[in-house]
N, C-alpha and C. Protein backbone atom coordinates (compact mmCIF):
# COMPACT_ATOMS: atom_id res chain seq x y z
N UNK A 1 20.95 -28.94 -4.01
CA UNK A 1 20.43 -27.60 -3.70
C UNK A 1 19.42 -27.72 -2.56
N UNK A 2 19.80 -27.27 -1.40
CA UNK A 2 18.94 -27.40 -0.23
C UNK A 2 18.37 -26.04 0.16
N UNK A 3 17.43 -25.55 -0.64
CA UNK A 3 16.80 -24.27 -0.33
C UNK A 3 15.79 -24.45 0.78
N UNK A 4 15.84 -23.56 1.75
CA UNK A 4 14.89 -23.60 2.86
C UNK A 4 13.58 -22.98 2.38
N UNK A 5 12.48 -23.71 2.57
CA UNK A 5 11.18 -23.21 2.13
C UNK A 5 10.63 -22.29 3.22
N UNK A 6 10.49 -21.02 2.90
CA UNK A 6 10.01 -20.03 3.86
C UNK A 6 8.49 -19.93 3.82
N UNK A 7 7.93 -20.06 2.62
CA UNK A 7 6.49 -19.90 2.43
C UNK A 7 5.86 -21.23 2.05
N UNK A 8 4.60 -21.37 2.40
CA UNK A 8 3.84 -22.58 2.07
C UNK A 8 2.73 -22.22 1.11
N UNK A 9 2.22 -23.22 0.43
CA UNK A 9 1.08 -23.01 -0.46
C UNK A 9 -0.08 -22.43 0.36
N UNK A 10 -0.70 -21.38 -0.16
CA UNK A 10 -1.80 -20.73 0.52
C UNK A 10 -1.39 -19.50 1.32
N UNK A 11 -0.10 -19.32 1.55
CA UNK A 11 0.38 -18.14 2.28
C UNK A 11 0.19 -16.88 1.44
N UNK A 12 -0.17 -15.80 2.10
CA UNK A 12 -0.19 -14.50 1.43
C UNK A 12 1.16 -13.85 1.67
N UNK A 13 1.72 -13.29 0.60
CA UNK A 13 3.04 -12.66 0.66
C UNK A 13 2.97 -11.29 -0.01
N UNK A 14 3.99 -10.48 0.24
CA UNK A 14 4.07 -9.16 -0.38
C UNK A 14 5.33 -9.12 -1.24
N UNK A 15 5.12 -8.83 -2.52
CA UNK A 15 6.24 -8.60 -3.44
C UNK A 15 6.27 -7.09 -3.65
N UNK A 16 7.39 -6.43 -3.32
CA UNK A 16 7.41 -4.96 -3.27
C UNK A 16 6.77 -4.23 -4.45
N UNK A 17 7.06 -4.64 -5.67
CA UNK A 17 6.56 -3.88 -6.81
C UNK A 17 5.18 -4.31 -7.30
N UNK A 18 4.60 -5.34 -6.67
CA UNK A 18 3.28 -5.80 -7.11
C UNK A 18 2.24 -5.88 -5.99
N UNK A 19 2.69 -5.83 -4.75
CA UNK A 19 1.74 -5.88 -3.64
C UNK A 19 1.51 -7.29 -3.13
N UNK A 20 0.28 -7.55 -2.68
CA UNK A 20 -0.05 -8.82 -2.03
C UNK A 20 -0.43 -9.87 -3.07
N UNK A 21 0.18 -11.03 -2.90
CA UNK A 21 -0.13 -12.17 -3.76
C UNK A 21 -0.27 -13.42 -2.90
N UNK A 22 -0.72 -14.49 -3.52
CA UNK A 22 -0.92 -15.75 -2.79
C UNK A 22 -0.03 -16.82 -3.40
N UNK A 23 0.73 -17.51 -2.53
CA UNK A 23 1.58 -18.60 -3.00
C UNK A 23 0.66 -19.75 -3.38
N UNK A 24 0.70 -20.12 -4.65
CA UNK A 24 -0.18 -21.21 -5.12
C UNK A 24 0.57 -22.53 -5.21
N UNK A 25 1.89 -22.50 -5.01
CA UNK A 25 2.68 -23.73 -5.04
C UNK A 25 4.13 -23.45 -5.38
N UNK A 26 4.83 -24.54 -5.64
CA UNK A 26 6.23 -24.43 -6.07
C UNK A 26 6.40 -25.32 -7.29
N UNK A 27 7.46 -25.05 -8.04
CA UNK A 27 7.77 -25.91 -9.17
C UNK A 27 9.27 -25.90 -9.40
N UNK A 28 9.74 -26.94 -10.05
CA UNK A 28 11.15 -27.03 -10.41
C UNK A 28 11.26 -26.75 -11.90
N UNK A 29 12.23 -25.91 -12.27
CA UNK A 29 12.48 -25.62 -13.67
C UNK A 29 13.98 -25.61 -13.91
N UNK A 30 14.34 -25.88 -15.14
CA UNK A 30 15.75 -25.76 -15.50
C UNK A 30 15.88 -24.53 -16.39
N UNK A 31 16.71 -23.59 -15.95
CA UNK A 31 16.92 -22.35 -16.68
C UNK A 31 18.42 -22.22 -16.94
N UNK A 32 18.80 -22.15 -18.21
CA UNK A 32 20.20 -22.01 -18.62
C UNK A 32 21.08 -23.06 -17.95
N UNK A 33 20.58 -24.27 -17.89
CA UNK A 33 21.36 -25.37 -17.34
C UNK A 33 21.38 -25.44 -15.82
N UNK A 34 20.65 -24.56 -15.15
CA UNK A 34 20.59 -24.56 -13.68
C UNK A 34 19.22 -25.01 -13.22
N UNK A 35 19.20 -25.94 -12.27
CA UNK A 35 17.92 -26.39 -11.71
C UNK A 35 17.48 -25.36 -10.67
N UNK A 36 16.26 -24.86 -10.82
CA UNK A 36 15.73 -23.86 -9.89
C UNK A 36 14.43 -24.35 -9.27
N UNK A 37 14.26 -24.05 -7.99
CA UNK A 37 12.98 -24.29 -7.33
C UNK A 37 12.32 -22.92 -7.22
N UNK A 38 11.07 -22.80 -7.68
CA UNK A 38 10.39 -21.51 -7.77
C UNK A 38 9.10 -21.50 -6.97
N UNK A 39 8.85 -20.37 -6.31
CA UNK A 39 7.53 -20.12 -5.73
C UNK A 39 6.65 -19.60 -6.86
N UNK A 40 5.42 -20.08 -6.91
CA UNK A 40 4.45 -19.56 -7.87
C UNK A 40 3.51 -18.68 -7.08
N UNK A 41 3.44 -17.40 -7.44
CA UNK A 41 2.64 -16.43 -6.69
C UNK A 41 1.61 -15.82 -7.63
N UNK A 42 0.36 -15.86 -7.21
CA UNK A 42 -0.75 -15.32 -8.00
C UNK A 42 -1.16 -13.97 -7.42
N UNK A 43 -1.20 -12.95 -8.30
CA UNK A 43 -1.69 -11.62 -7.93
C UNK A 43 -3.03 -11.46 -8.64
N UNK A 44 -4.12 -11.72 -7.91
CA UNK A 44 -5.45 -11.72 -8.52
C UNK A 44 -5.84 -10.37 -9.08
N UNK A 45 -5.53 -9.29 -8.37
CA UNK A 45 -5.95 -7.96 -8.83
C UNK A 45 -5.31 -7.60 -10.17
N UNK A 46 -4.10 -8.08 -10.41
CA UNK A 46 -3.40 -7.79 -11.68
C UNK A 46 -3.55 -8.92 -12.69
N UNK A 47 -4.21 -10.01 -12.27
CA UNK A 47 -4.31 -11.22 -13.11
C UNK A 47 -2.94 -11.63 -13.61
N UNK A 48 -2.02 -11.76 -12.65
CA UNK A 48 -0.64 -12.04 -12.99
C UNK A 48 -0.11 -13.16 -12.12
N UNK A 49 0.76 -14.00 -12.70
CA UNK A 49 1.45 -15.03 -11.95
C UNK A 49 2.94 -14.72 -12.01
N UNK A 50 3.58 -14.79 -10.86
CA UNK A 50 5.01 -14.49 -10.76
C UNK A 50 5.72 -15.72 -10.22
N UNK A 51 6.87 -16.02 -10.77
CA UNK A 51 7.69 -17.13 -10.27
C UNK A 51 8.97 -16.53 -9.69
N UNK A 52 9.21 -16.82 -8.42
CA UNK A 52 10.39 -16.29 -7.74
C UNK A 52 11.24 -17.46 -7.27
N UNK A 53 12.52 -17.49 -7.67
CA UNK A 53 13.40 -18.56 -7.19
C UNK A 53 13.48 -18.55 -5.66
N UNK A 54 13.39 -19.73 -5.06
CA UNK A 54 13.40 -19.81 -3.59
C UNK A 54 14.70 -19.28 -3.01
N UNK A 55 15.79 -19.35 -3.78
CA UNK A 55 17.07 -18.85 -3.25
C UNK A 55 17.25 -17.34 -3.47
N UNK A 56 16.26 -16.68 -4.06
CA UNK A 56 16.33 -15.23 -4.31
C UNK A 56 15.24 -14.46 -3.56
N UNK A 57 14.64 -15.10 -2.57
CA UNK A 57 13.53 -14.48 -1.84
C UNK A 57 13.96 -13.18 -1.17
N UNK A 58 15.04 -13.24 -0.41
CA UNK A 58 15.51 -12.03 0.29
C UNK A 58 15.91 -10.94 -0.69
N UNK A 59 16.66 -11.32 -1.69
CA UNK A 59 17.15 -10.39 -2.70
C UNK A 59 16.00 -9.69 -3.44
N UNK A 60 14.91 -10.43 -3.68
CA UNK A 60 13.76 -9.87 -4.41
C UNK A 60 12.88 -8.99 -3.54
N UNK A 61 13.01 -9.13 -2.22
CA UNK A 61 12.18 -8.34 -1.30
C UNK A 61 10.88 -9.03 -0.94
N UNK A 62 10.68 -10.25 -1.42
CA UNK A 62 9.46 -10.99 -1.09
C UNK A 62 9.42 -11.21 0.42
N UNK A 63 8.26 -10.92 1.02
CA UNK A 63 8.15 -11.04 2.49
C UNK A 63 6.77 -11.51 2.88
N UNK A 64 6.67 -11.92 4.15
CA UNK A 64 5.37 -12.29 4.71
C UNK A 64 4.55 -11.02 4.91
N UNK A 65 3.25 -11.20 5.13
CA UNK A 65 2.39 -10.05 5.45
C UNK A 65 2.89 -9.37 6.71
N UNK A 66 2.61 -8.10 6.83
CA UNK A 66 2.98 -7.36 8.04
C UNK A 66 2.20 -7.88 9.23
N UNK A 67 2.79 -7.71 10.40
CA UNK A 67 2.09 -8.09 11.63
C UNK A 67 1.02 -7.06 11.93
N UNK A 68 0.11 -7.41 12.81
CA UNK A 68 -0.96 -6.48 13.22
C UNK A 68 -0.34 -5.21 13.83
N UNK A 69 0.76 -5.39 14.59
CA UNK A 69 1.42 -4.26 15.24
C UNK A 69 2.00 -3.28 14.21
N UNK A 70 2.65 -3.82 13.17
CA UNK A 70 3.23 -2.97 12.12
C UNK A 70 2.10 -2.26 11.37
N UNK A 71 1.02 -2.99 11.11
CA UNK A 71 -0.11 -2.40 10.37
C UNK A 71 -0.77 -1.30 11.20
N UNK A 72 -0.91 -1.51 12.51
CA UNK A 72 -1.49 -0.48 13.38
C UNK A 72 -0.62 0.78 13.38
N UNK A 73 0.69 0.59 13.36
CA UNK A 73 1.61 1.73 13.32
C UNK A 73 1.43 2.50 12.00
N UNK A 74 1.29 1.76 10.89
CA UNK A 74 1.09 2.40 9.59
C UNK A 74 -0.25 3.14 9.55
N UNK A 75 -1.29 2.57 10.16
CA UNK A 75 -2.60 3.22 10.20
C UNK A 75 -2.53 4.50 11.03
N UNK A 76 -1.72 4.50 12.07
CA UNK A 76 -1.52 5.69 12.89
C UNK A 76 -0.86 6.79 12.05
N UNK A 77 0.04 6.41 11.15
CA UNK A 77 0.69 7.37 10.26
C UNK A 77 -0.34 8.11 9.42
N UNK A 78 -1.40 7.40 9.01
CA UNK A 78 -2.46 8.04 8.20
C UNK A 78 -3.12 9.20 8.93
N UNK A 79 -3.17 9.11 10.25
CA UNK A 79 -3.86 10.14 11.05
C UNK A 79 -3.03 11.41 11.20
N UNK A 80 -1.74 11.34 10.86
CA UNK A 80 -0.85 12.49 11.04
C UNK A 80 -1.10 13.56 9.99
N UNK A 81 -0.39 14.66 10.15
CA UNK A 81 -0.47 15.77 9.19
C UNK A 81 0.32 15.43 7.94
N UNK A 82 -0.21 15.85 6.80
CA UNK A 82 0.49 15.65 5.53
C UNK A 82 1.81 16.42 5.56
N UNK A 83 2.85 15.78 5.09
CA UNK A 83 4.16 16.42 5.03
C UNK A 83 4.57 16.48 3.56
N UNK A 84 4.27 17.57 2.93
CA UNK A 84 4.58 17.73 1.51
C UNK A 84 5.77 18.66 1.37
N UNK A 85 6.80 18.12 0.74
CA UNK A 85 8.01 18.93 0.53
C UNK A 85 7.74 19.98 -0.54
N UNK A 86 8.53 21.02 -0.51
CA UNK A 86 8.35 22.11 -1.46
C UNK A 86 9.25 21.93 -2.70
N UNK A 87 9.54 20.69 -3.03
CA UNK A 87 10.36 20.43 -4.21
C UNK A 87 9.47 20.31 -5.44
N UNK A 88 10.10 20.23 -6.60
CA UNK A 88 9.34 20.09 -7.84
C UNK A 88 8.53 18.79 -7.82
N UNK A 89 7.38 18.82 -8.48
CA UNK A 89 6.50 17.66 -8.49
C UNK A 89 7.20 16.43 -9.05
N UNK A 90 7.99 16.58 -10.09
CA UNK A 90 8.65 15.41 -10.69
C UNK A 90 9.55 14.69 -9.68
N UNK A 91 10.25 15.46 -8.86
CA UNK A 91 11.11 14.87 -7.83
C UNK A 91 10.27 14.17 -6.76
N UNK A 92 9.20 14.84 -6.31
CA UNK A 92 8.31 14.23 -5.31
C UNK A 92 7.66 12.97 -5.86
N UNK A 93 7.24 13.01 -7.14
CA UNK A 93 6.60 11.85 -7.76
C UNK A 93 7.55 10.66 -7.76
N UNK A 94 8.83 10.89 -8.05
CA UNK A 94 9.82 9.81 -8.01
C UNK A 94 9.94 9.24 -6.60
N UNK A 95 9.96 10.12 -5.61
CA UNK A 95 10.06 9.68 -4.22
C UNK A 95 8.83 8.87 -3.82
N UNK A 96 7.64 9.33 -4.24
CA UNK A 96 6.41 8.60 -3.93
C UNK A 96 6.42 7.22 -4.58
N UNK A 97 6.85 7.15 -5.85
CA UNK A 97 6.92 5.87 -6.56
C UNK A 97 7.88 4.92 -5.85
N UNK A 98 9.02 5.43 -5.41
CA UNK A 98 9.99 4.60 -4.70
C UNK A 98 9.40 4.07 -3.39
N UNK A 99 8.66 4.91 -2.69
CA UNK A 99 8.01 4.47 -1.45
C UNK A 99 6.96 3.39 -1.73
N UNK A 100 6.18 3.58 -2.79
CA UNK A 100 5.15 2.60 -3.15
C UNK A 100 5.81 1.27 -3.51
N UNK A 101 6.86 1.32 -4.32
CA UNK A 101 7.53 0.10 -4.77
C UNK A 101 8.38 -0.56 -3.70
N UNK A 102 8.56 0.11 -2.56
CA UNK A 102 9.30 -0.51 -1.46
C UNK A 102 8.45 -1.61 -0.82
N UNK A 103 7.12 -1.46 -0.91
CA UNK A 103 6.23 -2.44 -0.29
C UNK A 103 6.10 -2.27 1.22
N UNK A 104 6.76 -1.28 1.79
CA UNK A 104 6.72 -1.04 3.23
C UNK A 104 5.41 -0.34 3.60
N UNK A 105 4.60 -0.95 4.48
CA UNK A 105 3.30 -0.34 4.82
C UNK A 105 3.42 1.06 5.41
N UNK A 106 4.46 1.32 6.16
CA UNK A 106 4.68 2.64 6.77
C UNK A 106 4.89 3.69 5.66
N UNK A 107 5.70 3.35 4.67
CA UNK A 107 5.96 4.28 3.56
C UNK A 107 4.73 4.45 2.68
N UNK A 108 3.97 3.38 2.47
CA UNK A 108 2.72 3.48 1.71
C UNK A 108 1.75 4.42 2.42
N UNK A 109 1.66 4.29 3.75
CA UNK A 109 0.78 5.14 4.54
C UNK A 109 1.19 6.60 4.40
N UNK A 110 2.50 6.87 4.36
CA UNK A 110 2.98 8.25 4.19
C UNK A 110 2.53 8.82 2.86
N UNK A 111 2.63 8.03 1.79
CA UNK A 111 2.22 8.50 0.47
C UNK A 111 0.72 8.79 0.46
N UNK A 112 -0.07 7.85 1.00
CA UNK A 112 -1.53 8.04 1.03
C UNK A 112 -1.88 9.29 1.83
N UNK A 113 -1.27 9.43 3.00
CA UNK A 113 -1.53 10.60 3.86
C UNK A 113 -1.16 11.90 3.15
N UNK A 114 0.01 11.93 2.51
CA UNK A 114 0.49 13.17 1.89
C UNK A 114 -0.29 13.55 0.64
N UNK A 115 -0.84 12.58 -0.08
CA UNK A 115 -1.56 12.88 -1.32
C UNK A 115 -3.07 12.92 -1.16
N UNK A 116 -3.57 12.55 0.01
CA UNK A 116 -5.02 12.56 0.24
C UNK A 116 -5.55 13.99 0.22
N UNK A 117 -6.69 14.17 -0.42
CA UNK A 117 -7.35 15.48 -0.48
C UNK A 117 -8.73 15.40 0.16
N UNK A 118 -8.99 16.35 1.04
CA UNK A 118 -10.33 16.47 1.63
C UNK A 118 -11.23 17.16 0.61
N UNK A 119 -12.55 17.03 0.78
CA UNK A 119 -13.47 17.67 -0.17
C UNK A 119 -13.29 19.19 -0.29
N UNK A 120 -12.82 19.83 0.80
CA UNK A 120 -12.68 21.29 0.75
C UNK A 120 -11.31 21.75 0.24
N UNK A 121 -10.48 20.80 -0.23
CA UNK A 121 -9.16 21.14 -0.75
C UNK A 121 -9.19 21.14 -2.27
N UNK A 122 -8.20 21.82 -2.89
CA UNK A 122 -8.16 21.83 -4.36
C UNK A 122 -7.95 20.44 -4.93
N UNK A 123 -8.42 20.24 -6.16
CA UNK A 123 -8.27 18.94 -6.82
C UNK A 123 -6.81 18.61 -7.08
N UNK A 124 -6.57 17.31 -7.25
CA UNK A 124 -5.23 16.84 -7.57
C UNK A 124 -5.02 16.88 -9.08
N UNK A 125 -3.76 16.93 -9.46
CA UNK A 125 -3.44 16.78 -10.88
C UNK A 125 -3.65 15.32 -11.26
N UNK A 126 -3.67 15.03 -12.53
CA UNK A 126 -3.88 13.67 -13.00
C UNK A 126 -2.81 12.73 -12.44
N UNK A 127 -1.54 13.14 -12.50
CA UNK A 127 -0.46 12.26 -12.03
C UNK A 127 -0.50 12.08 -10.51
N UNK A 128 -0.87 13.13 -9.78
CA UNK A 128 -1.02 13.01 -8.32
C UNK A 128 -2.10 11.98 -8.00
N UNK A 129 -3.22 12.08 -8.71
CA UNK A 129 -4.34 11.18 -8.49
C UNK A 129 -3.94 9.73 -8.80
N UNK A 130 -3.18 9.53 -9.88
CA UNK A 130 -2.74 8.18 -10.24
C UNK A 130 -1.85 7.58 -9.16
N UNK A 131 -0.90 8.37 -8.66
CA UNK A 131 0.00 7.88 -7.62
C UNK A 131 -0.78 7.60 -6.34
N UNK A 132 -1.71 8.49 -5.98
CA UNK A 132 -2.54 8.30 -4.80
C UNK A 132 -3.34 7.00 -4.92
N UNK A 133 -3.99 6.78 -6.06
CA UNK A 133 -4.80 5.57 -6.27
C UNK A 133 -3.95 4.31 -6.16
N UNK A 134 -2.76 4.35 -6.74
CA UNK A 134 -1.86 3.19 -6.69
C UNK A 134 -1.46 2.90 -5.25
N UNK A 135 -1.13 3.96 -4.50
CA UNK A 135 -0.68 3.79 -3.12
C UNK A 135 -1.81 3.27 -2.23
N UNK A 136 -3.01 3.86 -2.35
CA UNK A 136 -4.10 3.43 -1.47
C UNK A 136 -4.55 2.01 -1.82
N UNK A 137 -4.51 1.66 -3.10
CA UNK A 137 -4.89 0.29 -3.48
C UNK A 137 -3.88 -0.72 -2.93
N UNK A 138 -2.59 -0.41 -3.08
CA UNK A 138 -1.54 -1.31 -2.59
C UNK A 138 -1.64 -1.45 -1.07
N UNK A 139 -1.87 -0.33 -0.38
CA UNK A 139 -1.98 -0.34 1.08
C UNK A 139 -3.24 -1.10 1.51
N UNK A 140 -4.34 -0.83 0.84
CA UNK A 140 -5.61 -1.48 1.20
C UNK A 140 -5.53 -3.00 1.00
N UNK A 141 -4.78 -3.46 0.00
CA UNK A 141 -4.68 -4.91 -0.22
C UNK A 141 -3.98 -5.59 0.95
N UNK A 142 -2.94 -4.95 1.47
CA UNK A 142 -2.27 -5.57 2.62
C UNK A 142 -3.11 -5.44 3.89
N UNK A 143 -3.78 -4.30 4.06
CA UNK A 143 -4.67 -4.15 5.22
C UNK A 143 -5.75 -5.23 5.17
N UNK A 144 -6.32 -5.46 3.99
CA UNK A 144 -7.36 -6.48 3.83
C UNK A 144 -6.83 -7.87 4.17
N UNK A 145 -5.63 -8.19 3.70
CA UNK A 145 -5.05 -9.50 3.97
C UNK A 145 -4.76 -9.68 5.46
N UNK A 146 -4.24 -8.63 6.11
CA UNK A 146 -3.95 -8.71 7.54
C UNK A 146 -5.25 -8.82 8.35
N UNK A 147 -6.28 -8.04 7.96
CA UNK A 147 -7.56 -8.05 8.68
C UNK A 147 -8.46 -9.22 8.26
N UNK A 148 -8.02 -9.99 7.26
CA UNK A 148 -8.81 -11.10 6.70
C UNK A 148 -10.20 -10.62 6.25
N UNK A 149 -10.19 -9.58 5.45
CA UNK A 149 -11.41 -9.00 4.90
C UNK A 149 -11.18 -8.76 3.41
N UNK A 150 -12.13 -8.09 2.75
CA UNK A 150 -11.89 -7.81 1.33
C UNK A 150 -11.34 -6.40 1.14
N UNK A 151 -10.83 -6.14 -0.05
CA UNK A 151 -10.15 -4.88 -0.34
C UNK A 151 -11.09 -3.69 -0.22
N UNK A 152 -12.35 -3.85 -0.63
CA UNK A 152 -13.31 -2.74 -0.55
C UNK A 152 -13.51 -2.30 0.90
N UNK A 153 -13.66 -3.27 1.80
CA UNK A 153 -13.83 -2.93 3.23
C UNK A 153 -12.57 -2.28 3.78
N UNK A 154 -11.42 -2.75 3.35
CA UNK A 154 -10.16 -2.16 3.81
C UNK A 154 -10.03 -0.73 3.30
N UNK A 155 -10.45 -0.49 2.06
CA UNK A 155 -10.37 0.86 1.50
C UNK A 155 -11.32 1.80 2.25
N UNK A 156 -12.49 1.32 2.60
CA UNK A 156 -13.44 2.12 3.38
C UNK A 156 -12.84 2.45 4.75
N UNK A 157 -12.18 1.46 5.35
CA UNK A 157 -11.52 1.68 6.65
C UNK A 157 -10.47 2.79 6.53
N UNK A 158 -9.67 2.75 5.46
CA UNK A 158 -8.63 3.77 5.27
C UNK A 158 -9.25 5.14 5.04
N UNK A 159 -10.30 5.19 4.25
CA UNK A 159 -10.95 6.48 3.97
C UNK A 159 -11.59 7.07 5.22
N UNK A 160 -12.11 6.21 6.11
CA UNK A 160 -12.66 6.71 7.38
C UNK A 160 -11.56 7.31 8.24
N UNK A 161 -10.39 6.68 8.24
CA UNK A 161 -9.27 7.21 9.02
C UNK A 161 -8.82 8.55 8.44
N UNK A 162 -8.81 8.64 7.11
CA UNK A 162 -8.35 9.86 6.44
C UNK A 162 -9.36 11.00 6.49
N UNK A 163 -10.64 10.67 6.62
CA UNK A 163 -11.67 11.70 6.53
C UNK A 163 -11.64 12.63 7.74
N UNK A 164 -11.53 13.89 7.46
CA UNK A 164 -11.62 14.93 8.48
C UNK A 164 -12.73 15.86 8.01
N UNK A 165 -13.82 15.95 8.78
CA UNK A 165 -14.92 16.81 8.31
C UNK A 165 -14.47 18.26 8.19
N UNK A 166 -14.95 18.95 7.16
CA UNK A 166 -14.58 20.37 7.01
C UNK A 166 -15.11 21.17 8.19
N UNK A 167 -14.34 22.18 8.58
CA UNK A 167 -14.75 23.00 9.72
C UNK A 167 -15.90 23.90 9.33
N UNK A 168 -16.84 24.04 10.25
CA UNK A 168 -17.97 24.96 10.05
C UNK A 168 -17.46 26.38 10.26
N UNK A 169 -17.84 27.31 9.39
CA UNK A 169 -17.39 28.69 9.61
C UNK A 169 -18.03 29.25 10.88
N UNK A 170 -17.24 30.00 11.61
CA UNK A 170 -17.73 30.63 12.85
C UNK A 170 -18.69 31.75 12.47
N UNK A 171 -19.87 31.83 13.15
CA UNK A 171 -20.78 32.94 12.84
C UNK A 171 -20.16 34.27 13.32
N UNK A 172 -20.33 35.28 12.52
CA UNK A 172 -19.79 36.58 12.88
C UNK A 172 -20.84 37.35 13.67
N UNK A 173 -20.39 38.20 14.57
CA UNK A 173 -21.31 38.99 15.35
C UNK A 173 -22.05 39.97 14.46
N UNK A 174 -23.32 40.10 14.71
CA UNK A 174 -24.12 41.07 13.98
C UNK A 174 -24.59 40.57 12.63
N UNK A 175 -24.44 39.26 12.36
CA UNK A 175 -24.92 38.78 11.04
C UNK A 175 -26.31 38.17 11.15
N UNK A 176 -26.98 38.35 12.28
CA UNK A 176 -28.36 37.89 12.43
C UNK A 176 -28.51 36.51 13.02
N UNK A 177 -27.40 35.80 13.23
CA UNK A 177 -27.51 34.47 13.84
C UNK A 177 -27.22 34.61 15.31
N UNK A 178 -28.02 33.91 16.08
CA UNK A 178 -27.83 33.98 17.53
C UNK A 178 -27.01 32.79 17.99
N UNK A 179 -26.15 33.01 18.93
CA UNK A 179 -25.38 31.94 19.51
C UNK A 179 -25.88 31.76 20.94
N UNK A 180 -26.37 30.57 21.25
CA UNK A 180 -26.94 30.32 22.57
C UNK A 180 -25.88 30.03 23.59
């Protein structure tokens, strides 16, 4: 079995349904009479270890971190206007979950952008808030890994990009305020 080793110990990788993890090594195991070489991946935020067969990397969706260029494109997506479809929430929630579990930074940015609420907007429902939190956390973990910083700083960076100050109401004529 001559599996090509794509990742090395210490590499940060993205597993679509769990986000960013760190390859801590490889091991050989025998499963159902088959010898397998496995990547051992640690997801610190979930306190979870995942073993992925080296010959199933592509099939599982395991990938290297996004490039700076791809991440910049995803960050630009955050600056766009929210595009919320007029379909039922349950259908949109399924679409958002699928985008989150794709592990694609561009799709994660779309979910964060579409579910983000400014202070002057109505509150989110509980399920909207949960999906938003999951998406921004997953996105921030990859931004942090690409920027070589911590998740809190990455989350602050995302929130700064998302923040749009509320507009000041225009003073009406004759209400006693002077406009210079």
